[in-house]
Structures are given as structure tokens and as C-alpha cells.
């Protein structure tokens, strides 16, 4: 299959490099200013995949048919990035978003005919144009469908799994991500420094309660064990965005929890407090 990557940051660069190393055709979609800084190759230091150095072409637009479009932008950059992938160019390709949050799936389905929801668990960042570092001991992608895509990811060395329950897939990712992102971003500490904080623990309880009220089936024990066993030096992308002066993906992460809490009359005071602190730090 032919793949295009929209959003060549920590996630897109990692996925694109892994697929390209496995011999899969990959094209990177970049704006002209980013394209001018790109040297034609992706270099990745990965705790899971090893070191990758692979030539990957880039272009400002799609000029030939593709089978898969990976949408790996920040939630705050989604709308502007979509200009590089107009529906007429994407055609019948399967669109796979790996964004934080939940709301983006409905937005993409307004634009493209075939969207397969996805979630990724990884800590990866872009350290320079074309250079990426993936430090977490885990790299996993879950897709709500897309069996051939899952197979290609596995051949590329990525732990990829297929699920028939899109709602649970998205909420499970958010239930893991949101407490970590909000607490590390609000308190400016790595995960080990917030894991015992009552606001982090309360936020985890709240998002699990909202997810279940929304109809998601979560393995709460596995979720809590995953959060407890995650590396203590883990920093969230939201935290790194604040540190770098970039707008954090706050609404994408906290919005579904707050709206769901309101709809189901579930109080989310810890989530609200952490979001308030994130806003204060970002300002």
C-alpha cells in the first residue's frame, strides 16, 4: 500500500520512517517552508525500533494516488494542515488519525469518505527537521478496523492491534493520556512527580467514570497498571508544548471529559482544576 503522512512531528516522523524502512512507499506532506528545511531523509532514535535512517520523499501536495493517509498533526493544527490533503486528492484512501482526543474523528468524517479511528501509545518528539527521538519502552497503535494496515505496521516492527470497538479504543487512550497530560502540564513535573498527587488520581477516576457513562468498555485494572508502570521520567507532549511556548492541545484532551461529565452529571473537579492550571502556565 502507498502511504502519505500529514503532520511530520514526533508521531508522523516515527511512523513514516518505520514504514519506509520496511519497504513501504511513503510520501510526507509538508508546507513549503518546512519542505525547504527538510533534507530528504528521516533519522530516528527509537527505544523500540532502534536507529532508523531512511530516505523518504516529501511534497507540498498529493500528486499520485495513495491508499492510506495518516493524520498525525497536533489537534491545534488540524484545520490548517487539512489544506494539504483536499478530498479530491485523497479520494478513496483510508484516513487514519492518530491525534489526541476524540472529536477529530467526526470532523474528518465530514471531509473524507473512509476514516478508521486510531490511537497510539508512545513518547516521541521531533528534535530537528527530519530528526526524531522515541524514548518510551512502548510503541503501540490500535486501529478500529483497517486489517491490512495493521499487518503492514506489524511488518514494520510496530505493535499494532485491531479493535471492533471504536468508542472504547478512543476513550481508553484518553483515559490513559488525559490525567498524565493535564497533571504533568499543570504541575510541570514528569510522571513520577505527579503520580501520587490527589489531582492526578482524581482526574483518572473522573475520566474513567465519564468514559463508562459514554458507553466505553474499559479494563480499569489494566489501565491503572499501565499508568503506574509507565516510566517515571515520562513527559507529556502537552507539557513539552507549554515549555516550548506552543499552544497546548487542551480542548482536545479535556473537552470530551468536561462535556461528558456535564451530560451525565458526573462532577470532574480535579480535571477542571488541572485544566485551569494548564491554562495559567500556557498564558
Protein backbone atom coordinates (compact mmCIF):
# COMPACT_ATOMS: atom_id res chain seq x y z
CA UNK A 1 0.00 0.00 0.00
CA UNK A 2 1.03 3.61 -0.59
CA UNK A 3 1.07 5.82 2.49
CA UNK A 4 1.07 9.60 2.99
CA UNK A 5 1.92 11.31 6.28
CA UNK A 6 0.16 14.57 7.14
CA UNK A 7 1.93 16.06 10.15
CA UNK A 8 5.60 15.16 10.28
CA UNK A 9 6.14 15.63 14.00
CA UNK A 10 7.11 13.14 16.67
CA UNK A 11 4.37 10.69 15.66
CA UNK A 12 4.32 11.15 11.90
CA UNK A 13 8.09 11.06 11.58
CA UNK A 14 8.31 7.85 13.59
CA UNK A 15 5.52 6.04 11.74
CA UNK A 16 6.73 7.24 8.35
CA UNK A 17 10.31 6.16 8.99
CA UNK A 18 9.25 2.72 10.26
CA UNK A 19 7.06 2.07 7.22
CA UNK A 20 9.68 3.35 4.78
CA UNK A 21 12.40 1.17 6.31
CA UNK A 22 10.11 -1.83 5.77
CA UNK A 23 9.97 -1.00 2.05
CA UNK A 24 6.53 0.59 2.06
CA UNK A 25 6.07 3.60 -0.29
CA UNK A 26 5.70 6.73 1.87
CA UNK A 27 5.28 10.40 0.97
CA UNK A 28 5.49 13.21 3.52
CA UNK A 29 3.13 16.16 3.10
CA UNK A 30 4.79 19.43 4.12
CA UNK A 31 4.23 23.13 3.70
CA UNK A 32 6.76 24.91 1.52
CA UNK A 33 8.63 26.43 4.48
CA UNK A 34 9.04 23.01 6.13
CA UNK A 35 9.92 21.41 2.81
CA UNK A 36 12.76 23.91 2.37
CA UNK A 37 14.31 22.74 5.68
CA UNK A 38 13.85 19.03 5.01
CA UNK A 39 16.93 17.19 3.80
CA UNK A 40 15.14 14.26 2.15
CA UNK A 41 15.68 11.68 4.89
CA UNK A 42 14.22 10.76 8.26
CA UNK A 43 16.55 9.95 11.15
CA UNK A 44 15.01 8.33 14.22
CA UNK A 45 16.50 7.25 17.54
CA UNK A 46 13.98 4.74 18.84
CA UNK A 47 13.97 2.77 22.08
CA UNK A 48 11.73 0.21 20.35
CA UNK A 49 12.79 0.14 16.70
CA UNK A 50 16.47 1.02 17.05
CA UNK A 51 18.09 3.72 14.95
CA UNK A 52 16.46 4.43 11.60
CA UNK A 53 17.94 6.45 8.76
CA UNK A 54 15.83 6.25 5.64
CA UNK A 55 15.23 8.38 2.56
CA UNK A 56 11.60 9.48 2.35
CA UNK A 57 10.31 11.88 -0.33
CA UNK A 58 8.24 14.91 0.58
CA UNK A 59 5.86 17.15 -1.34
CA UNK A 60 3.53 20.10 -0.70
CA UNK A 61 0.55 18.20 -2.12
CA UNK A 62 -0.60 14.78 -3.26
CA UNK A 63 0.27 14.24 -6.90
CA UNK A 64 -0.38 10.49 -7.19
CA UNK A 65 -2.94 8.09 -5.69
CA UNK A 66 -2.46 6.78 -2.15
CA UNK A 67 -4.06 4.01 -0.13
CA UNK A 68 -3.58 5.38 3.39
CA UNK A 69 -3.43 8.93 4.73
CA UNK A 70 -2.02 9.19 8.25
CA UNK A 71 -3.16 12.34 10.04
CA UNK A 72 -0.63 12.93 12.80
CA UNK A 73 -0.79 16.67 13.39
CA UNK A 74 -1.38 18.40 16.68
CA UNK A 75 -5.08 18.92 17.32
CA UNK A 76 -4.44 22.67 17.31
CA UNK A 77 -3.01 22.43 13.77
CA UNK A 78 -5.53 20.07 12.22
CA UNK A 79 -7.64 22.53 10.27
CA UNK A 80 -4.74 24.30 8.61
CA UNK A 81 -2.97 21.01 7.84
CA UNK A 82 -6.01 19.60 6.04
CA UNK A 83 -5.44 22.14 3.28
CA UNK A 84 -2.57 19.90 2.10
CA UNK A 85 -4.90 16.93 1.66
CA UNK A 86 -8.06 18.01 -0.17
CA UNK A 87 -10.73 15.29 -0.51
CA UNK A 88 -10.36 15.11 -4.27
CA UNK A 89 -6.68 14.19 -3.89
CA UNK A 90 -7.22 11.73 -1.05
CA UNK A 91 -10.00 10.01 -2.96
CA UNK A 92 -10.95 6.60 -1.57
CA UNK A 93 -7.85 6.26 0.59
CA UNK A 94 -8.29 5.18 4.20
CA UNK A 95 -7.69 8.12 6.53
CA UNK A 96 -6.14 7.11 9.87
CA UNK A 97 -5.88 9.85 12.53
CA UNK A 98 -3.53 9.43 15.49
CA UNK A 99 -4.48 12.64 17.28
CA UNK A 100 -5.08 13.23 20.95
CA UNK A 101 -8.72 13.42 21.95
CA UNK A 102 -11.91 12.15 20.36
CA UNK A 103 -13.69 14.95 18.47
CA UNK A 104 -11.35 14.90 15.46
CA UNK A 105 -12.82 11.62 14.14
CA UNK A 106 -16.22 13.18 13.44
CA UNK A 107 -14.53 16.21 11.87
CA UNK A 108 -12.54 14.04 9.47
CA UNK A 109 -15.63 12.04 8.53
CA UNK A 110 -17.27 15.24 7.42
CA UNK A 111 -14.41 15.61 4.93
CA UNK A 112 -13.35 12.12 3.84
CA UNK A 113 -15.43 9.05 2.93
CA UNK A 114 -13.34 6.44 4.76
CA UNK A 115 -11.89 7.15 8.21
CA UNK A 116 -10.54 4.47 10.57
CA UNK A 117 -10.11 5.71 14.13
CA UNK A 118 -6.70 5.05 15.65
CA UNK A 119 -4.77 5.58 18.85
CA UNK A 120 -1.05 5.47 19.54
CA UNK A 121 0.79 4.98 22.81
CA UNK A 122 4.31 6.34 22.63
CA UNK A 123 6.57 9.15 23.74
CA UNK A 124 8.19 10.61 20.65
CA UNK A 125 9.30 14.09 19.67
CA UNK A 126 10.86 15.96 16.78
CA UNK A 127 14.25 17.33 17.81
CA UNK A 128 15.14 18.97 14.47
CA UNK A 129 13.83 18.95 10.89
CA UNK A 130 13.87 15.31 9.83
CA UNK A 131 15.19 14.10 13.21
CA UNK A 132 13.14 12.36 15.87
CA UNK A 133 13.64 10.69 19.24
CA UNK A 134 11.34 8.00 20.64
CA UNK A 135 12.17 7.27 24.28
CA UNK A 136 9.29 5.27 25.75
CA UNK A 137 9.72 1.50 26.16
CA UNK A 138 6.36 1.07 24.41
CA UNK A 139 5.12 1.79 20.89
CA UNK A 140 1.63 0.57 20.15
CA UNK A 141 -1.01 1.53 17.59
CA UNK A 142 -4.64 0.42 17.86
CA UNK A 143 -6.99 0.75 14.89
CA UNK A 144 -10.76 0.32 14.81
CA UNK A 145 -10.57 -1.60 11.54
CA UNK A 146 -8.00 -1.42 8.76
CA UNK A 147 -6.75 -5.02 8.96
CA UNK A 148 -4.30 -4.66 6.02
CA UNK A 149 -2.86 -1.52 7.62
CA UNK A 150 -2.36 -3.34 10.91
CA UNK A 151 -0.47 -6.05 9.05
CA UNK A 152 1.86 -3.51 7.42
CA UNK A 153 2.54 -1.84 10.75
CA UNK A 154 3.48 -5.17 12.27
CA UNK A 155 5.87 -5.91 9.41
CA UNK A 156 7.45 -2.52 10.15
CA UNK A 157 8.12 -3.59 13.76
CA UNK A 158 5.26 -1.69 15.41
CA UNK A 159 2.97 -3.41 17.91
CA UNK A 160 -0.33 -2.91 16.07
CA UNK A 161 -3.73 -4.26 17.06
CA UNK A 162 -7.20 -4.19 15.59
CA UNK A 163 -10.36 -3.47 17.57
CA UNK A 164 -14.02 -3.60 16.65
CA UNK A 165 -14.97 -1.12 19.38
CA UNK A 166 -14.08 2.38 18.22
CA UNK A 167 -15.64 4.16 21.18
CA UNK A 168 -13.72 2.10 23.73
CA UNK A 169 -10.48 2.44 21.75
CA UNK A 170 -10.67 6.25 21.79
CA UNK A 171 -11.76 6.57 25.42
CA UNK A 172 -9.16 4.06 26.62
CA UNK A 173 -6.44 6.20 25.06
CA UNK A 174 -7.91 9.37 26.55
CA UNK A 175 -8.27 7.77 29.98
CA UNK A 176 -4.54 7.00 29.96
CA UNK A 177 -3.42 10.23 28.34
CA UNK A 178 -5.57 12.94 29.93
CA UNK A 179 -4.53 12.55 33.60
CA UNK A 180 -0.86 12.35 32.64
CA UNK A 181 -1.00 15.26 30.19
CA UNK A 182 -3.01 17.51 32.48
CA UNK A 183 -1.02 16.75 35.64
CA UNK A 184 2.44 16.98 34.06
CA UNK A 185 1.42 20.10 32.16
CA UNK A 186 -0.21 21.76 35.15
CA UNK A 187 2.50 20.95 37.70
CA UNK A 188 5.50 21.00 35.33
CA UNK A 189 6.89 17.69 36.56
CA UNK A 190 7.43 14.32 34.89
CA UNK A 191 5.01 11.50 35.57
CA UNK A 192 6.94 10.24 38.61
CA UNK A 193 6.47 13.63 40.25
CA UNK A 194 2.68 13.73 39.82
CA UNK A 195 1.61 10.11 40.07
CA UNK A 196 0.81 10.38 43.80
CA UNK A 197 -0.87 13.78 43.52
CA UNK A 198 -4.54 13.69 44.51
CA UNK A 199 -5.50 15.77 41.49
CA UNK A 200 -3.89 13.28 39.11
CA UNK A 201 -5.57 10.34 40.85
CA UNK A 202 -8.89 12.18 40.94
CA UNK A 203 -8.67 13.05 37.25
CA UNK A 204 -8.05 9.39 36.43
CA UNK A 205 -11.16 8.41 38.41
CA UNK A 206 -13.21 11.08 36.67
CA UNK A 207 -12.25 10.22 33.11
CA UNK A 208 -12.93 6.51 33.74
CA UNK A 209 -16.38 7.38 35.11
CA UNK A 210 -17.19 9.62 32.13
CA UNK A 211 -15.88 7.04 29.63
CA UNK A 212 -18.13 4.37 31.08
CA UNK A 213 -21.11 6.73 31.07
CA UNK A 214 -20.41 7.39 27.39
CA UNK A 215 -20.62 3.65 26.72
CA UNK A 216 -16.93 2.73 26.57
CA UNK A 217 -15.79 -0.64 27.89
CA UNK A 218 -12.56 -0.11 29.80
CA UNK A 219 -10.29 -2.59 31.56
CA UNK A 220 -9.80 -0.39 34.60
CA UNK A 221 -7.26 -2.67 36.26
CA UNK A 222 -5.07 -2.83 33.15
CA UNK A 223 -5.40 0.92 32.65
CA UNK A 224 -4.29 1.71 36.19
CA UNK A 225 -1.40 -0.76 35.96
CA UNK A 226 -0.28 0.81 32.69
CA UNK A 227 -0.29 4.27 34.26
CA UNK A 228 1.50 3.03 37.37
CA UNK A 229 4.20 1.21 35.40
CA UNK A 230 4.86 3.97 32.85
CA UNK A 231 8.39 5.43 33.13
CA UNK A 232 8.66 8.00 35.94
CA UNK A 233 10.61 10.40 33.71
CA UNK A 234 7.85 10.46 31.08
CA UNK A 235 6.83 13.95 29.95
CA UNK A 236 3.65 14.56 28.01
CA UNK A 237 3.52 16.32 24.66
CA UNK A 238 1.22 18.90 26.26
CA UNK A 239 3.91 19.64 28.83
CA UNK A 240 6.58 19.97 26.13
CA UNK A 241 4.32 22.28 24.12
CA UNK A 242 3.93 24.61 27.10
CA UNK A 243 7.68 24.56 27.75
CA UNK A 244 8.33 25.48 24.11
CA UNK A 245 5.72 28.26 24.07
CA UNK A 246 3.39 26.38 21.72
CA UNK A 247 -0.40 26.32 22.22
CA UNK A 248 -1.27 23.17 24.19
CA UNK A 249 -3.91 20.71 22.95
CA UNK A 250 -6.02 21.47 25.99
CA UNK A 251 -9.50 21.46 24.46
CA UNK A 252 -8.89 18.23 22.56
CA UNK A 253 -7.82 16.49 25.76
CA UNK A 254 -10.09 18.00 28.39
CA UNK A 255 -13.14 18.91 26.30
CA UNK A 256 -14.65 15.40 25.98
CA UNK A 257 -14.27 14.83 29.74
CA UNK A 258 -15.89 18.12 30.71
CA UNK A 259 -18.73 17.81 28.22
CA UNK A 260 -19.32 14.18 29.12
CA UNK A 261 -19.27 15.00 32.81
CA UNK A 262 -21.84 17.72 32.28
CA UNK A 263 -24.08 15.50 30.12
CA UNK A 264 -24.05 12.63 32.61
CA UNK A 265 -23.99 14.78 35.76
CA UNK A 266 -20.60 13.46 36.81
CA UNK A 267 -18.53 16.05 38.72
CA UNK A 268 -14.98 16.46 37.36
CA UNK A 269 -13.39 18.93 39.83
CA UNK A 270 -9.86 17.54 39.57
CA UNK A 271 -9.95 17.63 35.78
CA UNK A 272 -11.20 21.22 35.89
CA UNK A 273 -8.51 22.28 38.36
CA UNK A 274 -5.68 20.75 36.34
CA UNK A 275 -7.05 22.35 33.17
CA UNK A 276 -7.15 25.72 34.92
CA UNK A 277 -3.50 25.34 35.95
CA UNK A 278 -2.52 24.33 32.42
CA UNK A 279 -4.21 27.46 31.06
CA UNK A 280 -2.39 29.60 33.62
CA UNK A 281 1.01 28.11 32.70
CA UNK A 282 0.30 28.45 28.99
CA UNK A 283 -0.65 32.10 29.40
